[in-house]
Amino acid sequence: MLHLILFLFFGGICVAGAINLLVQRHPINSALSLVVVMASLAGEYLLLGAEFVAAIQVIVYAGAIMVLFIFTIMLLNAGEEERTKGSRVAMLFGIPGVLIGTVLVAWVLLEHSGTGSVAVGALPGPPKVIGWLLFHDFLLPFEVTSVLVLIAIMGAVVLASPPRSAQQESAQPDRREA
């Protein structure tokens, strides 16, 4: 009973953090809300008996990746978001599209997933097995993810750098003083 209460508690924190992430106007506050979501997911993993995944969730996602997000937001000097009315096309096609997509995904998962219940301990869990899967069987997706993060950081640096004409003017000394 205690596990169910804790599971629902961490689930509620996760949902509240996700909603807060969407309604915040300042990007730093949104990123910090995402840290709350990541930490509550780590709590969920602990309750499910996946201690290694919970530790990786905190170290990699709530730690390293979120530091990169916050660093990128601060590098871009992103201010408060301006609220707009929204696009009529997005409202006309987006909301029904999301609803149809949700129904289709739910139908496929419920009717055609082909999975049954799995016994505890049947899936890979020890760090050695997870490391072998990550760096042998799933090496390409792992490397593609790291390249995407690197590209995002490089894009943030390019966007945050001043235009070339401003760089050239600041590099040349002022000739009027001489």
N, C-alpha and C. Protein backbone atom coordinates (compact mmCIF):
# COMPACT_ATOMS: atom_id res chain seq x y z
N MET A 1 0.82 -1.19 0.00
CA MET A 1 0.00 0.00 0.00
C MET A 1 0.87 1.26 0.00
N LEU A 2 1.97 1.21 0.75
CA LEU A 2 2.88 2.36 0.81
C LEU A 2 3.50 2.63 -0.57
N HIS A 3 3.84 1.53 -1.30
CA HIS A 3 4.40 1.71 -2.64
C HIS A 3 3.42 2.42 -3.56
N LEU A 4 2.16 2.05 -3.48
CA LEU A 4 1.15 2.68 -4.33
C LEU A 4 1.00 4.16 -3.99
N ILE A 5 1.01 4.48 -2.70
CA ILE A 5 0.89 5.89 -2.29
C ILE A 5 2.09 6.69 -2.79
N LEU A 6 3.30 6.13 -2.60
CA LEU A 6 4.50 6.82 -3.08
C LEU A 6 4.53 6.94 -4.60
N PHE A 7 4.07 5.88 -5.28
CA PHE A 7 4.02 5.92 -6.74
C PHE A 7 3.09 7.03 -7.23
N LEU A 8 1.93 7.13 -6.62
CA LEU A 8 0.98 8.18 -6.99
C LEU A 8 1.51 9.56 -6.61
N PHE A 9 2.22 9.66 -5.48
CA PHE A 9 2.81 10.93 -5.05
C PHE A 9 3.85 11.40 -6.07
N PHE A 10 4.78 10.53 -6.44
CA PHE A 10 5.80 10.91 -7.43
C PHE A 10 5.17 11.16 -8.81
N GLY A 11 4.14 10.39 -9.15
CA GLY A 11 3.44 10.64 -10.40
C GLY A 11 2.77 11.99 -10.42
N GLY A 12 2.16 12.37 -9.29
CA GLY A 12 1.54 13.70 -9.19
C GLY A 12 2.56 14.81 -9.30
N ILE A 13 3.72 14.64 -8.65
CA ILE A 13 4.78 15.64 -8.77
C ILE A 13 5.25 15.74 -10.21
N CYS A 14 5.37 14.61 -10.88
CA CYS A 14 5.81 14.59 -12.28
C CYS A 14 4.81 15.34 -13.18
N VAL A 15 3.54 15.06 -13.00
CA VAL A 15 2.52 15.74 -13.81
C VAL A 15 2.47 17.23 -13.50
N ALA A 16 2.55 17.59 -12.21
CA ALA A 16 2.53 19.00 -11.84
C ALA A 16 3.75 19.74 -12.39
N GLY A 17 4.92 19.08 -12.35
CA GLY A 17 6.12 19.70 -12.92
C GLY A 17 6.00 19.87 -14.43
N ALA A 18 5.40 18.90 -15.10
CA ALA A 18 5.24 19.00 -16.55
C ALA A 18 4.26 20.12 -16.91
N ILE A 19 3.18 20.25 -16.15
CA ILE A 19 2.24 21.34 -16.41
C ILE A 19 2.90 22.68 -16.13
N ASN A 20 3.66 22.76 -15.04
CA ASN A 20 4.38 24.00 -14.72
C ASN A 20 5.41 24.33 -15.80
N LEU A 21 6.03 23.32 -16.38
CA LEU A 21 6.98 23.53 -17.47
C LEU A 21 6.30 24.22 -18.65
N LEU A 22 5.06 23.85 -18.92
CA LEU A 22 4.36 24.42 -20.07
C LEU A 22 3.83 25.82 -19.81
N VAL A 23 3.46 26.14 -18.58
CA VAL A 23 2.84 27.43 -18.33
C VAL A 23 3.83 28.52 -17.94
N GLN A 24 5.06 28.18 -17.66
CA GLN A 24 6.05 29.19 -17.29
C GLN A 24 6.36 30.09 -18.47
N ARG A 25 6.62 31.35 -18.19
CA ARG A 25 6.95 32.31 -19.24
C ARG A 25 8.45 32.47 -19.42
N HIS A 26 9.20 32.19 -18.39
CA HIS A 26 10.65 32.35 -18.46
C HIS A 26 11.30 30.99 -18.70
N PRO A 27 12.23 30.88 -19.66
CA PRO A 27 12.81 29.58 -20.00
C PRO A 27 13.59 28.93 -18.86
N ILE A 28 14.23 29.71 -18.00
CA ILE A 28 14.97 29.13 -16.88
C ILE A 28 14.00 28.42 -15.93
N ASN A 29 12.86 29.03 -15.67
CA ASN A 29 11.87 28.39 -14.80
C ASN A 29 11.33 27.11 -15.43
N SER A 30 11.17 27.11 -16.75
CA SER A 30 10.72 25.90 -17.43
C SER A 30 11.77 24.80 -17.31
N ALA A 31 13.04 25.16 -17.46
CA ALA A 31 14.10 24.16 -17.34
C ALA A 31 14.17 23.60 -15.93
N LEU A 32 13.97 24.45 -14.93
CA LEU A 32 13.97 23.97 -13.55
C LEU A 32 12.77 23.08 -13.27
N SER A 33 11.65 23.36 -13.91
CA SER A 33 10.49 22.47 -13.79
C SER A 33 10.79 21.11 -14.41
N LEU A 34 11.58 21.11 -15.49
CA LEU A 34 11.97 19.85 -16.11
C LEU A 34 12.89 19.06 -15.19
N VAL A 35 13.70 19.73 -14.39
CA VAL A 35 14.54 19.05 -13.40
C VAL A 35 13.64 18.35 -12.37
N VAL A 36 12.56 19.00 -11.96
CA VAL A 36 11.62 18.39 -11.01
C VAL A 36 11.00 17.14 -11.63
N VAL A 37 10.65 17.21 -12.91
CA VAL A 37 10.08 16.05 -13.59
C VAL A 37 11.08 14.91 -13.62
N MET A 38 12.33 15.22 -13.95
CA MET A 38 13.37 14.18 -14.02
C MET A 38 13.61 13.55 -12.65
N ALA A 39 13.62 14.36 -11.59
CA ALA A 39 13.84 13.83 -10.24
C ALA A 39 12.67 12.95 -9.80
N SER A 40 11.45 13.35 -10.13
CA SER A 40 10.30 12.52 -9.75
C SER A 40 10.28 11.22 -10.55
N LEU A 41 10.75 11.26 -11.79
CA LEU A 41 10.87 10.01 -12.55
C LEU A 41 11.89 9.08 -11.91
N ALA A 42 12.97 9.65 -11.37
CA ALA A 42 13.95 8.83 -10.67
C ALA A 42 13.31 8.16 -9.45
N GLY A 43 12.44 8.89 -8.76
CA GLY A 43 11.70 8.29 -7.64
C GLY A 43 10.81 7.16 -8.10
N GLU A 44 10.18 7.32 -9.24
CA GLU A 44 9.34 6.25 -9.81
C GLU A 44 10.19 5.02 -10.12
N TYR A 45 11.37 5.24 -10.71
CA TYR A 45 12.26 4.11 -11.02
C TYR A 45 12.71 3.39 -9.76
N LEU A 46 12.97 4.15 -8.70
CA LEU A 46 13.35 3.51 -7.43
C LEU A 46 12.23 2.62 -6.92
N LEU A 47 11.00 3.09 -7.02
CA LEU A 47 9.87 2.30 -6.55
C LEU A 47 9.66 1.05 -7.40
N LEU A 48 10.07 1.11 -8.66
CA LEU A 48 9.92 -0.05 -9.54
C LEU A 48 11.08 -1.04 -9.40
N GLY A 49 12.06 -0.70 -8.56
CA GLY A 49 13.17 -1.61 -8.34
C GLY A 49 14.31 -1.45 -9.33
N ALA A 50 14.33 -0.36 -10.07
CA ALA A 50 15.39 -0.11 -11.04
C ALA A 50 16.32 0.96 -10.49
N GLU A 51 17.13 0.57 -9.51
CA GLU A 51 18.00 1.53 -8.84
C GLU A 51 19.04 2.12 -9.78
N PHE A 52 19.60 1.28 -10.65
CA PHE A 52 20.62 1.77 -11.58
C PHE A 52 20.04 2.80 -12.55
N VAL A 53 18.85 2.53 -13.06
CA VAL A 53 18.21 3.49 -13.98
C VAL A 53 17.87 4.78 -13.24
N ALA A 54 17.48 4.68 -11.98
CA ALA A 54 17.19 5.88 -11.19
C ALA A 54 18.45 6.71 -10.99
N ALA A 55 19.56 6.05 -10.70
CA ALA A 55 20.82 6.78 -10.52
C ALA A 55 21.26 7.44 -11.82
N ILE A 56 21.12 6.73 -12.93
CA ILE A 56 21.48 7.30 -14.23
C ILE A 56 20.55 8.45 -14.57
N GLN A 57 19.28 8.34 -14.22
CA GLN A 57 18.31 9.42 -14.46
C GLN A 57 18.76 10.69 -13.75
N VAL A 58 19.19 10.57 -12.52
CA VAL A 58 19.61 11.75 -11.75
C VAL A 58 20.94 12.28 -12.27
N ILE A 59 21.90 11.40 -12.49
CA ILE A 59 23.24 11.84 -12.88
C ILE A 59 23.24 12.41 -14.29
N VAL A 60 22.70 11.66 -15.24
CA VAL A 60 22.79 12.06 -16.64
C VAL A 60 21.75 13.11 -17.00
N TYR A 61 20.48 12.83 -16.76
CA TYR A 61 19.44 13.72 -17.23
C TYR A 61 19.22 14.92 -16.31
N ALA A 62 18.93 14.67 -15.04
CA ALA A 62 18.68 15.79 -14.13
C ALA A 62 19.96 16.56 -13.85
N GLY A 63 21.10 15.93 -14.04
CA GLY A 63 22.37 16.60 -13.80
C GLY A 63 22.96 17.19 -15.07
N ALA A 64 23.58 16.33 -15.87
CA ALA A 64 24.37 16.80 -17.01
C ALA A 64 23.54 17.44 -18.11
N ILE A 65 22.49 16.79 -18.55
CA ILE A 65 21.71 17.32 -19.67
C ILE A 65 21.02 18.62 -19.28
N MET A 66 20.49 18.69 -18.08
CA MET A 66 19.82 19.93 -17.66
C MET A 66 20.81 21.07 -17.47
N VAL A 67 22.04 20.76 -17.06
CA VAL A 67 23.06 21.81 -17.00
C VAL A 67 23.33 22.35 -18.40
N LEU A 68 23.37 21.47 -19.39
CA LEU A 68 23.54 21.93 -20.77
C LEU A 68 22.37 22.78 -21.22
N PHE A 69 21.15 22.37 -20.88
CA PHE A 69 19.97 23.17 -21.25
C PHE A 69 20.05 24.56 -20.63
N ILE A 70 20.33 24.60 -19.34
CA ILE A 70 20.37 25.89 -18.65
C ILE A 70 21.52 26.74 -19.17
N PHE A 71 22.67 26.11 -19.44
CA PHE A 71 23.80 26.84 -20.01
C PHE A 71 23.43 27.43 -21.37
N THR A 72 22.73 26.66 -22.20
CA THR A 72 22.33 27.14 -23.52
C THR A 72 21.32 28.28 -23.39
N ILE A 73 20.38 28.17 -22.47
CA ILE A 73 19.39 29.24 -22.28
C ILE A 73 20.09 30.51 -21.83
N MET A 74 21.03 30.38 -20.90
CA MET A 74 21.74 31.57 -20.42
C MET A 74 22.66 32.13 -21.51
N LEU A 75 23.24 31.27 -22.32
CA LEU A 75 24.11 31.72 -23.40
C LEU A 75 23.33 32.51 -24.44
N LEU A 76 22.11 32.07 -24.71
CA LEU A 76 21.26 32.77 -25.67
C LEU A 76 20.63 34.02 -25.08
N ASN A 77 20.75 34.20 -23.77
CA ASN A 77 20.17 35.34 -23.08
C ASN A 77 18.67 35.45 -23.37
N ALA A 78 18.00 34.30 -23.25
CA ALA A 78 16.58 34.24 -23.54
C ALA A 78 15.79 34.94 -22.44
N GLY A 79 14.97 35.87 -22.84
CA GLY A 79 14.15 36.61 -21.88
C GLY A 79 12.80 35.95 -21.71
N GLU A 80 11.89 36.72 -21.17
CA GLU A 80 10.55 36.21 -20.94
C GLU A 80 9.84 36.02 -22.26
N GLU A 81 9.08 34.95 -22.35
CA GLU A 81 8.38 34.62 -23.58
C GLU A 81 7.20 35.55 -23.79
N GLU A 82 7.04 35.99 -25.02
CA GLU A 82 5.89 36.82 -25.36
C GLU A 82 4.74 35.90 -25.75
N ARG A 83 3.60 36.13 -25.17
CA ARG A 83 2.42 35.31 -25.47
C ARG A 83 1.72 35.87 -26.70
N THR A 84 1.38 34.99 -27.60
CA THR A 84 0.62 35.38 -28.78
C THR A 84 -0.73 34.66 -28.74
N LYS A 85 -1.58 35.11 -29.62
CA LYS A 85 -2.92 34.54 -29.67
C LYS A 85 -2.89 33.10 -30.18
N GLY A 86 -2.00 32.79 -31.08
CA GLY A 86 -1.93 31.46 -31.64
C GLY A 86 -2.38 31.46 -33.08
N SER A 87 -2.09 30.41 -33.75
CA SER A 87 -2.42 30.28 -35.16
C SER A 87 -3.77 29.59 -35.31
N ARG A 88 -4.58 30.11 -36.20
CA ARG A 88 -5.88 29.46 -36.45
C ARG A 88 -5.69 28.11 -37.14
N VAL A 89 -4.67 28.01 -37.98
CA VAL A 89 -4.40 26.74 -38.66
C VAL A 89 -4.00 25.68 -37.64
N ALA A 90 -3.17 26.08 -36.67
CA ALA A 90 -2.77 25.14 -35.64
C ALA A 90 -3.97 24.69 -34.82
N MET A 91 -4.85 25.60 -34.50
CA MET A 91 -6.04 25.23 -33.74
C MET A 91 -6.98 24.35 -34.58
N LEU A 92 -7.09 24.68 -35.86
CA LEU A 92 -8.02 23.95 -36.73
C LEU A 92 -7.55 22.52 -36.99
N PHE A 93 -6.25 22.35 -37.25
CA PHE A 93 -5.74 21.03 -37.58
C PHE A 93 -4.98 20.38 -36.43
N GLY A 94 -4.40 21.17 -35.55
CA GLY A 94 -3.57 20.62 -34.48
C GLY A 94 -4.34 19.87 -33.43
N ILE A 95 -5.40 20.48 -32.90
CA ILE A 95 -6.15 19.84 -31.83
C ILE A 95 -6.83 18.55 -32.31
N PRO A 96 -7.52 18.56 -33.45
CA PRO A 96 -8.07 17.27 -33.91
C PRO A 96 -6.97 16.26 -34.26
N GLY A 97 -5.85 16.74 -34.78
CA GLY A 97 -4.75 15.83 -35.10
C GLY A 97 -4.18 15.17 -33.87
N VAL A 98 -4.02 15.93 -32.80
CA VAL A 98 -3.52 15.36 -31.54
C VAL A 98 -4.52 14.36 -30.98
N LEU A 99 -5.80 14.69 -31.04
CA LEU A 99 -6.81 13.77 -30.53
C LEU A 99 -6.84 12.47 -31.33
N ILE A 100 -6.80 12.57 -32.65
CA ILE A 100 -6.79 11.38 -33.49
C ILE A 100 -5.53 10.56 -33.25
N GLY A 101 -4.39 11.24 -33.14
CA GLY A 101 -3.13 10.54 -32.87
C GLY A 101 -3.15 9.83 -31.53
N THR A 102 -3.72 10.46 -30.51
CA THR A 102 -3.80 9.85 -29.20
C THR A 102 -4.68 8.61 -29.22
N VAL A 103 -5.80 8.70 -29.90
CA VAL A 103 -6.70 7.55 -30.00
C VAL A 103 -6.03 6.41 -30.76
N LEU A 104 -5.33 6.72 -31.85
CA LEU A 104 -4.64 5.68 -32.61
C LEU A 104 -3.54 5.01 -31.80
N VAL A 105 -2.74 5.80 -31.09
CA VAL A 105 -1.67 5.21 -30.28
C VAL A 105 -2.25 4.35 -29.17
N ALA A 106 -3.30 4.83 -28.52
CA ALA A 106 -3.93 4.04 -27.45
C ALA A 106 -4.50 2.74 -28.01
N TRP A 107 -5.13 2.82 -29.17
CA TRP A 107 -5.70 1.61 -29.78
C TRP A 107 -4.61 0.61 -30.13
N VAL A 108 -3.52 1.08 -30.72
CA VAL A 108 -2.43 0.17 -31.09
C VAL A 108 -1.80 -0.45 -29.85
N LEU A 109 -1.61 0.35 -28.81
CA LEU A 109 -1.00 -0.19 -27.59
C LEU A 109 -1.90 -1.20 -26.90
N LEU A 110 -3.19 -0.94 -26.89
CA LEU A 110 -4.10 -1.84 -26.20
C LEU A 110 -4.41 -3.11 -27.00
N GLU A 111 -4.53 -2.99 -28.30
CA GLU A 111 -4.98 -4.12 -29.11
C GLU A 111 -3.85 -4.91 -29.75
N HIS A 112 -2.78 -4.26 -30.13
CA HIS A 112 -1.77 -4.92 -30.94
C HIS A 112 -0.37 -4.90 -30.33
N SER A 113 -0.27 -4.72 -29.05
CA SER A 113 1.08 -4.65 -28.46
C SER A 113 1.71 -6.04 -28.40
N GLY A 114 0.93 -7.07 -28.19
CA GLY A 114 1.46 -8.43 -28.20
C GLY A 114 2.36 -8.74 -27.00
N THR A 115 2.26 -7.94 -25.98
CA THR A 115 3.09 -8.20 -24.80
C THR A 115 2.22 -8.66 -23.66
N GLY A 116 2.79 -9.49 -22.87
CA GLY A 116 2.10 -9.95 -21.67
C GLY A 116 2.84 -9.44 -20.46
N SER A 117 2.49 -9.97 -19.32
CA SER A 117 3.19 -9.56 -18.12
C SER A 117 4.57 -10.22 -18.10
N VAL A 118 5.51 -9.50 -17.52
CA VAL A 118 6.89 -9.97 -17.45
C VAL A 118 7.23 -10.21 -15.99
N ALA A 119 7.89 -11.33 -15.74
CA ALA A 119 8.27 -11.65 -14.37
C ALA A 119 9.36 -10.70 -13.90
N VAL A 120 9.39 -10.44 -12.61
CA VAL A 120 10.40 -9.56 -12.04
C VAL A 120 11.77 -10.20 -12.24
N GLY A 121 12.72 -9.43 -12.75
CA GLY A 121 14.07 -9.94 -12.98
C GLY A 121 14.27 -10.57 -14.33
N ALA A 122 13.23 -10.62 -15.16
CA ALA A 122 13.36 -11.25 -16.47
C ALA A 122 14.06 -10.33 -17.48
N LEU A 123 13.98 -9.04 -17.27
CA LEU A 123 14.61 -8.08 -18.18
C LEU A 123 16.01 -7.76 -17.69
N PRO A 124 16.90 -7.29 -18.60
CA PRO A 124 18.27 -6.97 -18.17
C PRO A 124 18.27 -5.86 -17.13
N GLY A 125 19.03 -6.04 -16.09
CA GLY A 125 19.05 -5.07 -15.02
C GLY A 125 20.42 -4.75 -14.46
N PRO A 126 21.34 -5.72 -14.39
CA PRO A 126 22.65 -5.42 -13.83
C PRO A 126 23.41 -4.42 -14.71
N PRO A 127 24.22 -3.58 -14.11
CA PRO A 127 24.95 -2.57 -14.89
C PRO A 127 25.82 -3.14 -16.00
N LYS A 128 26.39 -4.32 -15.78
CA LYS A 128 27.24 -4.92 -16.81
C LYS A 128 26.43 -5.26 -18.07
N VAL A 129 25.24 -5.79 -17.88
CA VAL A 129 24.38 -6.14 -19.02
C VAL A 129 23.88 -4.88 -19.71
N ILE A 130 23.48 -3.87 -18.92
CA ILE A 130 23.01 -2.62 -19.51
C ILE A 130 24.13 -1.94 -20.28
N GLY A 131 25.34 -1.95 -19.72
CA GLY A 131 26.49 -1.38 -20.43
C GLY A 131 26.77 -2.11 -21.73
N TRP A 132 26.68 -3.43 -21.73
CA TRP A 132 26.89 -4.20 -22.95
C TRP A 132 25.82 -3.85 -24.00
N LEU A 133 24.57 -3.76 -23.57
CA LEU A 133 23.51 -3.39 -24.51
C LEU A 133 23.72 -1.98 -25.06
N LEU A 134 24.11 -1.04 -24.17
CA LEU A 134 24.26 0.35 -24.58
C LEU A 134 25.42 0.55 -25.53
N PHE A 135 26.56 -0.09 -25.26
CA PHE A 135 27.75 0.15 -26.06
C PHE A 135 28.01 -0.92 -27.10
N HIS A 136 27.12 -1.90 -27.23
CA HIS A 136 27.28 -2.90 -28.27
C HIS A 136 26.05 -2.94 -29.18
N ASP A 137 24.91 -3.27 -28.60
CA ASP A 137 23.70 -3.41 -29.43
C ASP A 137 23.08 -2.07 -29.82
N PHE A 138 23.15 -1.08 -28.94
CA PHE A 138 22.52 0.21 -29.19
C PHE A 138 23.56 1.33 -29.31
N LEU A 139 24.71 1.02 -29.87
CA LEU A 139 25.78 2.01 -29.97
C LEU A 139 25.40 3.15 -30.92
N LEU A 140 24.81 2.84 -32.05
CA LEU A 140 24.47 3.88 -33.02
C LEU A 140 23.47 4.89 -32.45
N PRO A 141 22.35 4.48 -31.85
CA PRO A 141 21.45 5.49 -31.27
C PRO A 141 22.11 6.31 -30.16
N PHE A 142 22.99 5.68 -29.38
CA PHE A 142 23.69 6.39 -28.32
C PHE A 142 24.59 7.48 -28.90
N GLU A 143 25.32 7.15 -29.94
CA GLU A 143 26.22 8.13 -30.57
C GLU A 143 25.45 9.21 -31.31
N VAL A 144 24.35 8.85 -31.95
CA VAL A 144 23.53 9.86 -32.65
C VAL A 144 22.99 10.87 -31.65
N THR A 145 22.59 10.40 -30.47
CA THR A 145 22.10 11.32 -29.44
C THR A 145 23.20 12.28 -28.99
N SER A 146 24.40 11.77 -28.81
CA SER A 146 25.50 12.66 -28.39
C SER A 146 25.85 13.66 -29.48
N VAL A 147 25.78 13.26 -30.74
CA VAL A 147 26.04 14.21 -31.84
C VAL A 147 24.95 15.27 -31.89
N LEU A 148 23.69 14.90 -31.66
CA LEU A 148 22.60 15.89 -31.65
C LEU A 148 22.78 16.91 -30.54
N VAL A 149 23.22 16.47 -29.36
CA VAL A 149 23.47 17.41 -28.27
C VAL A 149 24.61 18.35 -28.63
N LEU A 150 25.66 17.81 -29.26
CA LEU A 150 26.79 18.64 -29.69
C LEU A 150 26.34 19.68 -30.73
N ILE A 151 25.51 19.28 -31.68
CA ILE A 151 25.01 20.20 -32.70
C ILE A 151 24.16 21.29 -32.04
N ALA A 152 23.36 20.94 -31.04
CA ALA A 152 22.53 21.94 -30.35
C ALA A 152 23.41 22.96 -29.64
N ILE A 153 24.49 22.51 -29.02
CA ILE A 153 25.39 23.43 -28.33
C ILE A 153 26.07 24.35 -29.33
N MET A 154 26.53 23.80 -30.44
CA MET A 154 27.18 24.63 -31.47
C MET A 154 26.19 25.63 -32.05
N GLY A 155 24.95 25.23 -32.25
CA GLY A 155 23.93 26.16 -32.74
C GLY A 155 23.67 27.28 -31.77
N ALA A 156 23.68 26.98 -30.48
CA ALA A 156 23.47 28.02 -29.46
C ALA A 156 24.62 29.01 -29.47
N VAL A 157 25.84 28.53 -29.65
CA VAL A 157 26.99 29.43 -29.71
C VAL A 157 26.91 30.33 -30.93
N VAL A 158 26.53 29.78 -32.07
CA VAL A 158 26.41 30.58 -33.29
C VAL A 158 25.31 31.63 -33.15
N LEU A 159 24.17 31.23 -32.58
CA LEU A 159 23.07 32.17 -32.42
C LEU A 159 23.41 33.26 -31.40
N ALA A 160 24.20 32.95 -30.40
CA ALA A 160 24.51 33.92 -29.36
C ALA A 160 25.65 34.85 -29.75
N SER A 161 26.43 34.48 -30.74
CA SER A 161 27.56 35.34 -31.12
C SER A 161 27.04 36.59 -31.84
N PRO A 162 27.74 37.72 -31.66
CA PRO A 162 27.30 38.95 -32.32
C PRO A 162 27.51 38.86 -33.82
N PRO A 163 26.80 39.67 -34.59
CA PRO A 163 26.99 39.64 -36.05
C PRO A 163 28.43 39.99 -36.41
N ARG A 164 28.86 39.54 -37.58
CA ARG A 164 30.24 39.72 -38.00
C ARG A 164 30.62 41.20 -38.10
N SER A 165 29.74 42.06 -38.53
CA SER A 165 30.07 43.48 -38.66
C SER A 165 30.36 44.10 -37.30
N ALA A 166 29.64 43.67 -36.26
CA ALA A 166 29.90 44.19 -34.91
C ALA A 166 31.24 43.69 -34.39
N GLN A 167 31.62 42.47 -34.76
CA GLN A 167 32.92 41.95 -34.35
C GLN A 167 34.05 42.72 -35.02
N GLN A 168 33.89 43.05 -36.30
CA GLN A 168 34.94 43.77 -37.02
C GLN A 168 35.08 45.19 -36.49
N GLU A 169 33.98 45.84 -36.15
CA GLU A 169 34.05 47.20 -35.64
C GLU A 169 34.71 47.24 -34.27
N SER A 170 34.45 46.25 -33.44
CA SER A 170 35.06 46.24 -32.10
C SER A 170 36.53 45.88 -32.17
N ALA A 171 36.94 45.15 -33.21
CA ALA A 171 38.35 44.77 -33.34
C ALA A 171 39.20 45.94 -33.84
N GLN A 172 38.62 46.85 -34.62
CA GLN A 172 39.38 47.97 -35.15
C GLN A 172 39.40 49.10 -34.13
N PRO A 173 40.58 49.72 -33.90
CA PRO A 173 40.64 50.85 -32.96
C PRO A 173 39.96 52.07 -33.54
N ASP A 174 39.49 52.92 -32.68
CA ASP A 174 38.82 54.15 -33.10
C ASP A 174 39.86 55.13 -33.59
N ARG A 175 39.77 55.54 -34.86
CA ARG A 175 40.80 56.40 -35.48
C ARG A 175 40.57 57.87 -35.18
N ARG A 176 39.40 58.21 -34.66
CA ARG A 176 39.13 59.63 -34.40
C ARG A 176 39.94 60.15 -33.20
N GLU A 177 40.35 59.28 -32.31
CA GLU A 177 41.06 59.72 -31.13
C GLU A 177 42.50 60.15 -31.45
N ALA A 178 43.09 59.62 -32.51
CA ALA A 178 44.50 59.92 -32.81
C ALA A 178 44.73 61.26 -33.42
